[in-house]
Amino acid sequence: MKKWMLVIMAMVLVLSVSGSVFASGSFTSNAVHLGKNADGLRQVKISWNPPAGVSVSHYEVKRYDFYDAPYFTWIVCTNVTTTTCTDTRNYAGPYNSTIVKGFSYDYFVTAYLTDGTKIEAPKTRILIRDYMGAPAVPTVTFVPAETAGFYYVGFSITNGNNADVWQVYQNDVCLNCGLLFQDVAVENGTAPQSKSRLTKLVPGTNVYKVRLKNDFGETWSEPLTIVAP
């Protein structure tokens, strides 16, 4: 009986090790948010270069819901023989797997080799946004306030990629940098966007500029010069 137990344990050990053997080699992956499909569901495209010098049987792609750590991992593509995968898994059931704007997701690509081993690419993390590039160039807005000598200075963009952060400068001094939530801009893809804050016009020349930032980069407005007596 003991002999048979030892044989069974050895077989389990061999199977367990053989199923988790990693080969030498490496490759990387990339993830891009494609926006919403015709059904209004968000999609992410994962692509990668095949590991060099090995024979790959197929690939598997998993999505790890970063904000739900460590509870949910979804297999989004399996038995893939190409080097791309589009994540369209959007199931809003009791275990929600819907891709949500404003959340981060980790993607893992595993290459299964023909010799039974595998290679896993480092994780690729993506933050879901609706814009697809650096912010559009803003226009500085300058509107009189209810109180004499005060104005609302800000920016507007009529269309183009939105910003997550906006900063307004008066004579090269930032008016809202470092102030809690004062530089936050809520992005909505490529819809019109605007923000402003109250400021006091000082005597002399006032030059206003606006900087917009998002995950893709930053842009600056053309300066607006206001001369006060």
Protein backbone atom coordinates (compact mmCIF):
# COMPACT_ATOMS: atom_id res chain seq x y z
CA MET A 1 0.00 0.00 0.00
CA LYS A 2 2.81 2.38 0.92
CA LYS A 3 4.55 1.48 -2.32
CA TRP A 4 1.49 2.41 -4.39
CA MET A 5 1.09 5.67 -2.44
CA LEU A 6 4.68 6.60 -3.24
CA VAL A 7 4.12 5.83 -6.95
CA ILE A 8 0.96 7.98 -7.04
CA MET A 9 2.71 10.86 -5.26
CA ALA A 10 5.61 10.67 -7.69
CA MET A 11 3.23 10.77 -10.67
CA VAL A 12 1.42 13.81 -9.25
CA LEU A 13 4.75 15.54 -8.68
CA VAL A 14 5.90 14.84 -12.24
CA LEU A 15 2.61 16.09 -13.73
CA SER A 16 2.64 19.20 -11.58
CA VAL A 17 6.22 20.06 -12.50
CA SER A 18 5.75 19.34 -16.20
CA GLY A 19 2.72 21.63 -16.32
CA SER A 20 4.63 24.58 -14.90
CA VAL A 21 8.04 24.34 -16.58
CA PHE A 22 9.22 27.65 -18.00
CA ALA A 23 11.65 27.78 -20.89
CA SER A 24 14.46 30.28 -21.24
CA GLY A 25 13.70 33.24 -23.48
CA SER A 26 11.61 36.37 -23.34
CA PHE A 27 9.20 38.56 -25.27
CA THR A 28 7.05 41.62 -24.55
CA SER A 29 3.48 42.66 -25.18
CA ASN A 30 1.54 45.87 -25.65
CA ALA A 31 -2.09 46.84 -24.97
CA VAL A 32 -4.15 49.56 -26.68
CA HIS A 33 -7.68 50.70 -25.84
CA LEU A 34 -9.77 50.57 -29.04
CA GLY A 35 -12.76 52.43 -27.64
CA LYS A 36 -16.31 51.13 -27.83
CA ASN A 37 -17.68 48.68 -30.36
CA ALA A 38 -21.10 48.85 -32.03
CA ASP A 39 -22.69 47.49 -28.85
CA GLY A 40 -21.13 50.23 -26.71
CA LEU A 41 -18.66 47.85 -25.04
CA ARG A 42 -15.01 48.74 -24.60
CA GLN A 43 -12.29 46.70 -26.32
CA VAL A 44 -8.56 46.31 -25.70
CA LYS A 45 -6.15 44.98 -28.31
CA ILE A 46 -3.12 43.08 -27.02
CA SER A 47 -0.21 42.42 -29.39
CA TRP A 48 3.25 40.92 -28.99
CA ASN A 49 6.36 39.80 -30.81
CA PRO A 50 6.94 36.02 -30.79
CA PRO A 51 9.83 34.84 -28.61
CA ALA A 52 12.93 34.33 -30.72
CA GLY A 53 14.61 30.98 -31.34
CA VAL A 54 11.76 28.74 -30.16
CA SER A 55 8.86 26.88 -31.70
CA VAL A 56 5.52 28.16 -30.38
CA SER A 57 2.43 25.96 -30.41
CA HIS A 58 -0.06 28.61 -29.26
CA TYR A 59 -0.60 31.58 -26.96
CA GLU A 60 -2.93 32.36 -24.08
CA VAL A 61 -3.87 35.86 -22.88
CA LYS A 62 -5.21 36.61 -19.42
CA ARG A 63 -6.60 39.84 -18.02
CA TYR A 64 -6.06 40.62 -14.39
CA ASP A 65 -8.49 43.16 -12.96
CA PHE A 66 -5.96 45.31 -11.15
CA TYR A 67 -8.52 47.05 -8.96
CA ASP A 68 -10.02 43.71 -7.88
CA ALA A 69 -6.66 42.24 -6.78
CA PRO A 70 -6.25 39.35 -6.29
CA TYR A 71 -9.69 37.94 -6.91
CA PHE A 72 -10.46 37.88 -10.63
CA THR A 73 -8.38 36.72 -13.57
CA TRP A 74 -10.10 36.29 -16.92
CA ILE A 75 -8.85 34.22 -19.86
CA VAL A 76 -9.65 36.50 -22.78
CA CYS A 77 -7.94 34.55 -25.59
CA THR A 78 -6.83 30.92 -25.71
CA ASN A 79 -5.26 28.64 -28.32
CA VAL A 80 -4.19 31.73 -30.28
CA THR A 81 -1.79 31.04 -33.15
CA THR A 82 -1.37 34.69 -34.24
CA THR A 83 0.32 37.50 -32.27
CA THR A 84 -2.75 39.60 -31.46
CA CYS A 85 -5.78 39.25 -29.23
CA THR A 86 -8.77 41.57 -28.80
CA ASP A 87 -10.33 41.56 -25.35
CA THR A 88 -14.09 41.86 -25.78
CA ARG A 89 -15.00 40.13 -22.55
CA ASN A 90 -17.70 42.35 -21.04
CA TYR A 91 -19.90 40.37 -18.70
CA ALA A 92 -21.75 42.45 -16.14
CA GLY A 93 -22.91 39.53 -14.02
CA PRO A 94 -22.33 38.78 -10.34
CA TYR A 95 -18.59 38.58 -11.10
CA ASN A 96 -18.22 41.71 -13.21
CA SER A 97 -15.64 41.47 -16.00
CA THR A 98 -16.68 44.61 -17.87
CA ILE A 99 -13.87 46.91 -19.03
CA VAL A 100 -14.50 50.21 -17.25
CA LYS A 101 -13.21 53.69 -18.01
CA GLY A 102 -10.84 55.03 -15.37
CA PHE A 103 -9.64 51.60 -14.21
CA SER A 104 -6.33 49.84 -14.80
CA TYR A 105 -5.94 46.29 -16.13
CA ASP A 106 -2.97 43.95 -16.36
CA TYR A 107 -2.54 41.61 -19.34
CA PHE A 108 -0.35 38.50 -19.35
CA VAL A 109 0.62 36.68 -22.55
CA THR A 110 1.91 33.11 -22.26
CA ALA A 111 3.62 31.30 -25.16
CA TYR A 112 3.20 27.52 -25.03
CA LEU A 113 6.06 25.84 -26.87
CA THR A 114 5.92 22.65 -28.88
CA ASP A 115 8.27 20.92 -26.41
CA GLY A 116 5.71 21.32 -23.59
CA THR A 117 7.37 24.28 -21.86
CA LYS A 118 6.17 27.88 -21.83
CA ILE A 119 7.37 31.49 -21.70
CA GLU A 120 5.40 34.30 -20.08
CA ALA A 121 5.80 37.92 -21.14
CA PRO A 122 6.00 40.58 -18.42
CA LYS A 123 2.62 42.07 -17.60
CA THR A 124 1.30 44.98 -19.63
CA ARG A 125 -0.78 47.49 -17.67
CA ILE A 126 -3.28 49.78 -19.35
CA LEU A 127 -5.39 52.61 -17.91
CA ILE A 128 -8.68 52.91 -19.77
CA ARG A 129 -9.36 56.39 -21.16
CA ASP A 130 -11.66 57.66 -23.92
CA TYR A 131 -9.09 59.89 -25.62
CA MET A 132 -6.66 58.44 -28.14
CA GLY A 133 -3.83 60.98 -28.18
CA ALA A 134 -2.33 64.08 -26.62
CA PRO A 135 -4.78 66.88 -25.71
CA ALA A 136 -6.06 69.22 -28.40
CA VAL A 137 -4.54 72.70 -28.38
CA PRO A 138 -6.66 74.80 -25.99
CA THR A 139 -7.86 78.38 -26.28
CA VAL A 140 -7.46 80.61 -23.23
CA THR A 141 -10.80 81.97 -21.99
CA PHE A 142 -11.08 85.20 -20.01
CA VAL A 143 -14.49 86.28 -18.72
CA PRO A 144 -15.32 89.12 -16.26
CA ALA A 145 -16.60 87.95 -12.87
CA GLU A 146 -19.34 89.52 -10.79
CA THR A 147 -16.81 91.43 -8.66
CA ALA A 148 -14.85 94.28 -10.25
CA GLY A 149 -11.21 93.42 -10.92
CA PHE A 150 -11.82 89.65 -10.89
CA TYR A 151 -12.08 87.35 -13.88
CA TYR A 152 -12.64 83.72 -14.75
CA VAL A 153 -9.58 82.50 -16.62
CA GLY A 154 -9.49 79.03 -18.11
CA PHE A 155 -9.52 77.10 -21.37
CA SER A 156 -11.82 75.56 -23.91
CA ILE A 157 -11.47 73.03 -26.68
CA THR A 158 -14.33 72.53 -29.11
CA ASN A 159 -13.24 69.06 -30.23
CA GLY A 160 -10.23 66.77 -30.05
CA ASN A 161 -8.63 64.71 -27.32
CA ASN A 162 -9.48 65.78 -23.79
CA ALA A 163 -7.15 66.39 -20.86
CA ASP A 164 -6.96 64.89 -17.37
CA VAL A 165 -5.00 67.83 -15.94
CA TRP A 166 -5.12 71.55 -16.72
CA GLN A 167 -2.79 74.28 -15.45
CA VAL A 168 -3.21 78.00 -15.99
CA TYR A 169 -0.24 80.39 -15.81
CA GLN A 170 -0.28 84.12 -15.16
CA ASN A 171 3.04 85.74 -16.08
CA ASP A 172 4.69 82.28 -15.90
CA VAL A 173 3.32 81.60 -12.40
CA CYS A 174 0.93 78.65 -12.14
CA LEU A 175 -2.32 79.63 -10.44
CA ASN A 176 -3.69 76.17 -9.72
CA CYS A 177 -0.67 73.85 -9.52
CA GLY A 178 -0.44 71.86 -6.28
CA LEU A 179 -3.93 72.85 -5.13
CA LEU A 180 -6.07 69.85 -4.21
CA PHE A 181 -8.36 68.93 -7.13
CA GLN A 182 -7.98 72.41 -8.66
CA ASP A 183 -6.09 71.12 -11.69
CA VAL A 184 -8.33 68.10 -12.40
CA ALA A 185 -10.18 68.02 -15.71
CA VAL A 186 -12.78 65.28 -16.32
CA GLU A 187 -12.11 63.81 -19.75
CA ASN A 188 -14.84 62.73 -22.12
CA GLY A 189 -12.96 61.45 -25.12
CA THR A 190 -13.09 64.05 -27.90
CA ALA A 191 -16.12 66.00 -26.74
CA PRO A 192 -15.90 69.76 -26.00
CA GLN A 193 -14.07 70.44 -22.73
CA SER A 194 -13.59 73.58 -20.64
CA LYS A 195 -12.49 74.65 -17.16
CA SER A 196 -11.92 77.99 -15.43
CA ARG A 197 -11.00 79.51 -12.08
CA LEU A 198 -11.38 82.89 -10.44
CA THR A 199 -8.37 85.21 -10.53
CA LYS A 200 -7.59 88.86 -9.88
CA LEU A 201 -6.20 91.03 -12.63
CA VAL A 202 -3.08 92.87 -11.47
CA PRO A 203 -2.04 96.29 -12.83
CA GLY A 204 0.25 96.09 -15.84
CA THR A 205 0.68 93.35 -18.42
CA ASN A 206 -0.87 89.95 -17.68
CA VAL A 207 0.07 87.05 -19.95
CA TYR A 208 -2.04 83.90 -19.55
CA LYS A 209 -1.19 80.44 -20.87
CA VAL A 210 -2.80 77.04 -20.33
CA ARG A 211 -1.10 73.64 -20.27
CA LEU A 212 -3.15 70.48 -20.79
CA LYS A 213 -1.95 66.97 -19.90
CA ASN A 214 -3.12 63.41 -20.40
CA ASP A 215 -1.56 59.94 -20.63
CA PHE A 216 -0.31 60.62 -24.17
CA GLY A 217 1.43 63.94 -23.55
CA GLU A 218 0.80 67.64 -23.10
CA THR A 219 -0.05 70.73 -25.14
CA TRP A 220 0.16 74.49 -24.56
CA SER A 221 -2.18 77.26 -25.63
CA GLU A 222 -1.15 80.39 -27.40
CA PRO A 223 -0.63 83.20 -24.85
CA LEU A 224 -3.40 85.69 -24.13
CA THR A 225 -2.19 89.15 -23.10
CA ILE A 226 -4.37 91.45 -21.00
CA VAL A 227 -3.12 94.93 -20.06
CA ALA A 228 -4.70 96.41 -16.93
CA PRO A 229 -4.42 100.06 -15.90
